C-alpha atoms as a PDB file:
ATOM      1  CA  MET A   1     289.966  22.237  52.519  1.00  0.00           C
ATOM      2  CA  ILE A   2     288.844  24.125  55.638  1.00  0.00           C
ATOM      3  CA  HIS A   3     285.242  23.333  56.529  1.00  0.00           C
ATOM      4  CA  ILE A   4     283.427  26.239  58.190  1.00  0.00           C
ATOM      5  CA  ALA A   5     280.052  26.781  59.863  1.00  0.00           C
ATOM      6  CA  ILE A   6     278.368  30.136  60.514  1.00  0.00           C
ATOM      7  CA  VAL A   7     276.252  30.989  63.556  1.00  0.00           C
ATOM      8  CA  GLU A   8     274.594  34.339  62.857  1.00  0.00           C
ATOM      9  CA  ASP A   9     270.967  35.444  63.308  1.00  0.00           C
ATOM     10  CA  ASP A  10     271.051  38.240  60.714  1.00  0.00           C
ATOM     11  CA  ASN A  11     269.968  36.628  57.444  1.00  0.00           C
ATOM     12  CA  ASP A  12     271.770  39.135  55.202  1.00  0.00           C
ATOM     13  CA  ILE A  13     275.066  38.854  57.076  1.00  0.00           C
ATOM     14  CA  ARG A  14     274.819  35.073  57.201  1.00  0.00           C
ATOM     15  CA  GLU A  15     274.182  34.877  53.458  1.00  0.00           C
ATOM     16  CA  SER A  16     277.005  37.320  52.662  1.00  0.00           C
ATOM     17  CA  LEU A  17     279.457  35.307  54.735  1.00  0.00           C
ATOM     18  CA  SER A  18     278.340  32.082  53.092  1.00  0.00           C
ATOM     19  CA  ILE A  19     278.852  33.548  49.603  1.00  0.00           C
ATOM     20  CA  LEU A  20     282.302  34.858  50.563  1.00  0.00           C
ATOM     21  CA  LEU A  21     283.436  31.518  51.956  1.00  0.00           C
ATOM     22  CA  LYS A  22     282.046  29.446  49.091  1.00  0.00           C
ATOM     23  CA  GLY A  23     283.782  31.747  46.611  1.00  0.00           C
ATOM     24  CA  THR A  24     287.190  31.401  48.282  1.00  0.00           C
ATOM     25  CA  ALA A  25     289.637  28.662  47.331  1.00  0.00           C
ATOM     26  CA  ASN A  26     290.235  25.971  49.962  1.00  0.00           C
ATOM     27  CA  LEU A  27     287.295  27.125  52.100  1.00  0.00           C
ATOM     28  CA  SER A  28     283.966  25.359  52.354  1.00  0.00           C
ATOM     29  CA  CYS A  29     280.867  26.661  54.148  1.00  0.00           C
ATOM     30  CA  LYS A  30     279.212  23.405  55.143  1.00  0.00           C
ATOM     31  CA  GLN A  31     276.536  24.692  57.520  1.00  0.00           C
ATOM     32  CA  SER A  32     274.950  27.930  58.686  1.00  0.00           C
ATOM     33  CA  TYR A  33     272.610  28.487  61.616  1.00  0.00           C
ATOM     34  CA  ASN A  34     270.461  31.380  62.817  1.00  0.00           C
ATOM     35  CA  SER A  35     270.635  30.338  66.470  1.00  0.00           C
ATOM     36  CA  ALA A  36     273.017  28.743  68.945  1.00  0.00           C
ATOM     37  CA  GLU A  37     270.445  26.063  69.700  1.00  0.00           C
ATOM     38  CA  LYS A  38     270.456  24.817  66.098  1.00  0.00           C
ATOM     39  CA  ALA A  39     274.245  24.838  65.974  1.00  0.00           C
ATOM     40  CA  LEU A  40     274.526  22.900  69.229  1.00  0.00           C
ATOM     41  CA  ALA A  41     272.016  20.324  68.024  1.00  0.00           C
ATOM     42  CA  ASP A  42     273.769  19.713  64.693  1.00  0.00           C
ATOM     43  CA  LEU A  43     277.508  20.362  64.969  1.00  0.00           C
ATOM     44  CA  PRO A  44     278.388  17.489  67.330  1.00  0.00           C
ATOM     45  CA  GLU A  45     277.045  15.102  64.660  1.00  0.00           C
ATOM     46  CA  ASN A  46     278.393  17.112  61.713  1.00  0.00           C
ATOM     47  CA  PRO A  47     281.596  18.783  62.963  1.00  0.00           C
ATOM     48  CA  VAL A  48     283.580  21.377  61.051  1.00  0.00           C
ATOM     49  CA  ASP A  49     287.091  22.794  61.392  1.00  0.00           C
ATOM     50  CA  LEU A  50     286.040  26.303  62.362  1.00  0.00           C
ATOM     51  CA  VAL A  51     282.913  28.212  63.390  1.00  0.00           C
ATOM     52  CA  LEU A  52     282.282  31.917  62.781  1.00  0.00           C
ATOM     53  CA  MET A  53     280.240  32.918  65.831  1.00  0.00           C
ATOM     54  CA  ASP A  54     278.154  35.985  66.611  1.00  0.00           C
ATOM     55  CA  ILE A  55     277.655  36.965  70.271  1.00  0.00           C
ATOM     56  CA  ASN A  56     274.220  38.582  70.340  1.00  0.00           C
ATOM     57  CA  LEU A  57     272.012  35.675  69.360  1.00  0.00           C
ATOM     58  CA  PRO A  58     268.389  35.004  70.308  1.00  0.00           C
ATOM     59  CA  GLY A  59     268.167  32.487  73.136  1.00  0.00           C
ATOM     60  CA  ILE A  60     271.555  31.018  74.016  1.00  0.00           C
ATOM     61  CA  SER A  61     274.303  33.608  73.504  1.00  0.00           C
ATOM     62  CA  GLY A  62     277.277  33.083  71.235  1.00  0.00           C
ATOM     63  CA  ILE A  63     279.605  32.991  74.237  1.00  0.00           C
ATOM     64  CA  GLU A  64     277.621  30.224  75.916  1.00  0.00           C
ATOM     65  CA  CYS A  65     277.470  28.425  72.573  1.00  0.00           C
ATOM     66  CA  VAL A  66     281.281  28.501  72.352  1.00  0.00           C
ATOM     67  CA  LYS A  67     281.566  26.981  75.817  1.00  0.00           C
ATOM     68  CA  GLN A  68     279.145  24.171  75.048  1.00  0.00           C
ATOM     69  CA  LEU A  69     280.709  23.464  71.650  1.00  0.00           C
ATOM     70  CA  LYS A  70     284.213  23.262  73.127  1.00  0.00           C
ATOM     71  CA  ASP A  71     282.932  20.893  75.807  1.00  0.00           C
ATOM     72  CA  GLN A  72     281.520  18.592  73.126  1.00  0.00           C
ATOM     73  CA  ILE A  73     284.105  19.115  70.359  1.00  0.00           C
ATOM     74  CA  PRO A  74     287.382  20.194  72.049  1.00  0.00           C
ATOM     75  CA  ASP A  75     289.342  20.460  68.788  1.00  0.00           C
ATOM     76  CA  ILE A  76     286.896  22.798  67.047  1.00  0.00           C
ATOM     77  CA  GLU A  77     288.144  26.339  66.426  1.00  0.00           C
ATOM     78  CA  VAL A  78     285.775  29.252  67.048  1.00  0.00           C
ATOM     79  CA  LEU A  79     286.341  32.734  65.676  1.00  0.00           C
ATOM     80  CA  MET A  80     284.055  35.386  67.144  1.00  0.00           C
ATOM     81  CA  LEU A  81     282.630  37.778  64.546  1.00  0.00           C
ATOM     82  CA  THR A  82     280.600  40.444  66.298  1.00  0.00           C
ATOM     83  CA  ILE A  83     279.862  44.137  66.663  1.00  0.00           C
ATOM     84  CA  SER A  84     280.743  44.119  70.369  1.00  0.00           C
ATOM     85  CA  ASP A  85     284.032  45.568  71.583  1.00  0.00           C
ATOM     86  CA  ASN A  86     282.991  45.317  75.228  1.00  0.00           C
ATOM     87  CA  SER A  87     285.946  44.126  77.292  1.00  0.00           C
ATOM     88  CA  LYS A  88     283.759  41.689  79.248  1.00  0.00           C
ATOM     89  CA  ASP A  89     282.522  40.100  76.013  1.00  0.00           C
ATOM     90  CA  VAL A  90     286.112  39.746  74.778  1.00  0.00           C
ATOM     91  CA  PHE A  91     287.240  38.179  78.047  1.00  0.00           C
ATOM     92  CA  ASP A  92     284.216  35.896  78.350  1.00  0.00           C
ATOM     93  CA  ALA A  93     284.524  34.703  74.739  1.00  0.00           C
ATOM     94  CA  LEU A  94     288.211  33.873  75.105  1.00  0.00           C
ATOM     95  CA  CYS A  95     287.629  32.148  78.436  1.00  0.00           C
ATOM     96  CA  ALA A  96     284.840  30.120  76.853  1.00  0.00           C
ATOM     97  CA  GLY A  97     287.349  28.812  74.314  1.00  0.00           C
ATOM     98  CA  ALA A  98     287.243  31.183  71.330  1.00  0.00           C
ATOM     99  CA  SER A  99     290.517  31.341  69.400  1.00  0.00           C
ATOM    100  CA  GLY A 100     290.064  34.855  68.035  1.00  0.00           C
ATOM    101  CA  TYR A 101     287.846  37.922  68.118  1.00  0.00           C
ATOM    102  CA  LEU A 102     286.975  40.046  65.085  1.00  0.00           C
ATOM    103  CA  ARG A 103     284.616  42.948  64.496  1.00  0.00           C
ATOM    104  CA  LYS A 104     281.929  42.555  61.844  1.00  0.00           C
ATOM    105  CA  ASN A 105     283.428  45.465  59.919  1.00  0.00           C
ATOM    106  CA  THR A 106     286.567  43.401  59.273  1.00  0.00           C
ATOM    107  CA  PRO A 107     287.346  43.542  55.513  1.00  0.00           C
ATOM    108  CA  PRO A 108     286.681  40.240  53.682  1.00  0.00           C
ATOM    109  CA  SER A 109     290.366  39.724  52.841  1.00  0.00           C
ATOM    110  CA  MET A 110     291.327  40.103  56.498  1.00  0.00           C
ATOM    111  CA  LEU A 111     288.577  37.702  57.558  1.00  0.00           C
ATOM    112  CA  ILE A 112     289.874  35.059  55.149  1.00  0.00           C
ATOM    113  CA  SER A 113     293.422  35.590  56.457  1.00  0.00           C
ATOM    114  CA  ALA A 114     292.143  35.313  60.038  1.00  0.00           C
ATOM    115  CA  ILE A 115     290.484  31.984  59.270  1.00  0.00           C
ATOM    116  CA  HIS A 116     293.758  30.549  57.950  1.00  0.00           C
ATOM    117  CA  GLU A 117     295.659  32.056  60.882  1.00  0.00           C
ATOM    118  CA  THR A 118     293.298  30.428  63.375  1.00  0.00           C
ATOM    119  CA  ILE A 119     293.648  27.019  61.743  1.00  0.00           C
ATOM    120  CA  GLU A 120     297.443  27.425  61.881  1.00  0.00           C
ATOM    121  CA  GLY A 121     297.367  28.064  65.627  1.00  0.00           C
ATOM    122  CA  GLY A 122     297.055  31.855  65.747  1.00  0.00           C
ATOM    123  CA  ALA A 123     294.652  34.012  67.735  1.00  0.00           C
ATOM    124  CA  PRO A 124     293.595  36.769  65.321  1.00  0.00           C
ATOM    125  CA  MET A 125     291.927  39.890  66.654  1.00  0.00           C
ATOM    126  CA  SER A 126     290.708  43.168  65.245  1.00  0.00           C
ATOM    127  CA  MET A 127     293.266  45.928  65.757  1.00  0.00           C
ATOM    128  CA  ASP A 128     291.372  47.708  68.538  1.00  0.00           C
ATOM    129  CA  ILE A 129     290.725  44.444  70.372  1.00  0.00           C
ATOM    130  CA  ALA A 130     294.380  43.401  70.086  1.00  0.00           C
ATOM    131  CA  ARG A 131     295.477  46.773  71.443  1.00  0.00           C
ATOM    132  CA  MET A 132     293.158  46.352  74.424  1.00  0.00           C
ATOM    133  CA  VAL A 133     294.654  42.933  75.115  1.00  0.00           C
ATOM    134  CA  ILE A 134     298.266  44.047  74.712  1.00  0.00           C
ATOM    135  CA  ASP A 135     297.834  47.169  76.856  1.00  0.00           C
ATOM    136  CA  SER A 136     296.324  45.067  79.607  1.00  0.00           C
ATOM    137  CA  PHE A 137     299.110  42.522  79.282  1.00  0.00           C
ATOM    138  CA  HIS A 138     301.785  45.212  79.535  1.00  0.00           C
ATOM    139  CA  ARG A 139     300.284  46.401  82.816  1.00  0.00           C
ATOM    140  CA  GLU A 140     300.368  42.958  84.325  1.00  0.00           C
ATOM    141  CA  LYS A 141     303.266  41.040  82.806  1.00  0.00           C
ATOM    142  CA  GLN A 142     305.812  41.845  85.548  1.00  0.00           C
ATOM    143  CA  LYS A 143     303.920  40.106  88.351  1.00  0.00           C
ATOM    144  CA  TYR A 144     304.315  36.646  86.804  1.00  0.00           C
ATOM    145  CA  ASN A 145     308.123  36.679  86.712  1.00  0.00           C
ATOM    146  CA  LEU A 146     308.265  36.070  82.978  1.00  0.00           C
ATOM    147  CA  THR A 147     311.636  36.093  81.242  1.00  0.00           C
ATOM    148  CA  ASN A 148     312.261  38.632  78.480  1.00  0.00           C
ATOM    149  CA  ARG A 149     311.866  35.918  75.846  1.00  0.00           C
ATOM    150  CA  GLU A 150     308.614  34.712  77.413  1.00  0.00           C
ATOM    151  CA  LYS A 151     307.335  38.300  77.364  1.00  0.00           C
ATOM    152  CA  GLU A 152     308.192  38.536  73.654  1.00  0.00           C
ATOM    153  CA  VAL A 153     306.420  35.262  72.902  1.00  0.00           C
ATOM    154  CA  LEU A 154     303.352  36.190  74.928  1.00  0.00           C
ATOM    155  CA  THR A 155     303.174  39.638  73.344  1.00  0.00           C
ATOM    156  CA  ALA A 156     303.240  37.984  69.913  1.00  0.00           C
ATOM    157  CA  LEU A 157     300.576  35.515  71.019  1.00  0.00           C
ATOM    158  CA  CYS A 158     298.382  38.373  72.237  1.00  0.00           C
ATOM    159  CA  ASP A 159     298.926  40.043  68.872  1.00  0.00           C
ATOM    160  CA  GLY A 160     297.336  37.032  67.210  1.00  0.00           C
ATOM    161  CA  GLN A 161     300.475  35.524  65.670  1.00  0.00           C
ATOM    162  CA  SER A 162     300.642  31.797  64.937  1.00  0.00           C
ATOM    163  CA  TYR A 163     303.440  29.675  66.386  1.00  0.00           C
ATOM    164  CA  LYS A 164     305.140  29.700  62.976  1.00  0.00           C
ATOM    165  CA  LEU A 165     305.029  33.490  62.735  1.00  0.00           C
ATOM    166  CA  ILE A 166     306.361  33.836  66.282  1.00  0.00           C
ATOM    167  CA  ALA A 167     309.245  31.515  65.442  1.00  0.00           C
ATOM    168  CA  ASN A 168     310.080  33.475  62.294  1.00  0.00           C
ATOM    169  CA  SER A 169     309.858  36.899  63.937  1.00  0.00           C
ATOM    170  CA  LEU A 170     312.028  35.873  66.913  1.00  0.00           C
ATOM    171  CA  PHE A 171     314.464  33.771  64.828  1.00  0.00           C
ATOM    172  CA  ILE A 172     313.848  30.615  66.856  1.00  0.00           C
ATOM    173  CA  ASP A 173     312.435  27.243  65.842  1.00  0.00           C
ATOM    174  CA  ILE A 174     308.827  26.281  66.471  1.00  0.00           C
ATOM    175  CA  ASN A 175     309.743  23.731  69.172  1.00  0.00           C
ATOM    176  CA  THR A 176     311.412  26.528  71.137  1.00  0.00           C
ATOM    177  CA  VAL A 177     308.255  28.603  70.775  1.00  0.00           C
ATOM    178  CA  LYS A 178     306.213  25.700  72.163  1.00  0.00           C
ATOM    179  CA  PHE A 179     308.690  25.343  75.043  1.00  0.00           C
ATOM    180  CA  HIS A 180     308.301  29.011  75.981  1.00  0.00           C
ATOM    181  CA  ILE A 181     304.521  28.806  75.675  1.00  0.00           C
ATOM    182  CA  ARG A 182     304.433  25.810  78.038  1.00  0.00           C
ATOM    183  CA  ASN A 183     306.417  27.868  80.551  1.00  0.00           C
ATOM    184  CA  ILE A 184     304.063  30.819  80.064  1.00  0.00           C
ATOM    185  CA  TYR A 185     301.023  28.605  80.668  1.00  0.00           C
ATOM    186  CA  HIS A 186     302.649  27.285  83.849  1.00  0.00           C
ATOM    187  CA  LYS A 187     303.478  30.750  85.189  1.00  0.00           C
ATOM    188  CA  LEU A 188     300.082  32.186  84.309  1.00  0.00           C
ATOM    189  CA  GLU A 189     298.357  29.032  85.569  1.00  0.00           C
ATOM    190  CA  VAL A 190     296.406  28.570  82.333  1.00  0.00           C
ATOM    191  CA  ASN A 191     295.957  25.684  79.908  1.00  0.00           C
ATOM    192  CA  SER A 192     295.422  27.250  76.482  1.00  0.00           C
ATOM    193  CA  LYS A 193     296.304  30.206  74.276  1.00  0.00           C
ATOM    194  CA  GLY A 194     292.816  31.629  74.749  1.00  0.00           C
ATOM    195  CA  GLU A 195     293.152  31.541  78.521  1.00  0.00           C
ATOM    196  CA  ALA A 196     296.619  33.090  78.341  1.00  0.00           C
ATOM    197  CA  VAL A 197     295.361  36.002  76.257  1.00  0.00           C
ATOM    198  CA  SER A 198     292.188  36.422  78.307  1.00  0.00           C
ATOM    199  CA  LYS A 199     294.187  36.631  81.545  1.00  0.00           C
ATOM    200  CA  ALA A 200     295.607  39.936  80.314  1.00  0.00           C
ATOM    201  CA  ILE A 201     292.095  41.251  79.871  1.00  0.00           C
ATOM    202  CA  ARG A 202     290.732  39.953  83.150  1.00  0.00           C
ATOM    203  CA  GLU A 203     293.338  41.431  85.471  1.00  0.00           C
ATOM    204  CA  ASN A 204     293.278  45.135  86.267  1.00  0.00           C
ATOM    205  CA  LEU A 205     291.330  46.147  83.178  1.00  0.00           C
ATOM    206  CA  THR A 206     289.998  49.668  83.696  1.00  0.00           C
END
């Protein structure tokens, strides 16, 4: 069972998400909050596996909430669910520790798939967001002296694939994927998948 919390100030959206999650096998919506402050006060004492997080919240923003949650609960996964496709919001959310970034118009079936993907180690993103990330990565990948295989792995990571999917698509085992990702982190001077993906956005984004 995947235990999920929602941080969303729109009552209708929050209720719709809660109904969707509660009606889906193997998912449980344990908590929902209409502000970052309430989430930050409660989640450290009542942690969940994954948080669906809006950005534009009253008071503390969703991005700042991600940062504070990750500081207190490092293993928690956060999936941004927002209307914003602003490149700065994408970059800031990923740098804060978000594992994925979806638009609120994401179909319910894709949202459920994204939740499972995140738990399995993926970094799901809406198609337009993923394209932004990949295009930025393609502009910058040469400067880090990545091998062809490392470029393939990083491209797949930017595309939101889990380690298992990367292994299957490249016909290598998952330990080899992890080896390449460690090398990628070293070359990019980052420490997580979110930072690796966000580096593509941060550098030379027009």
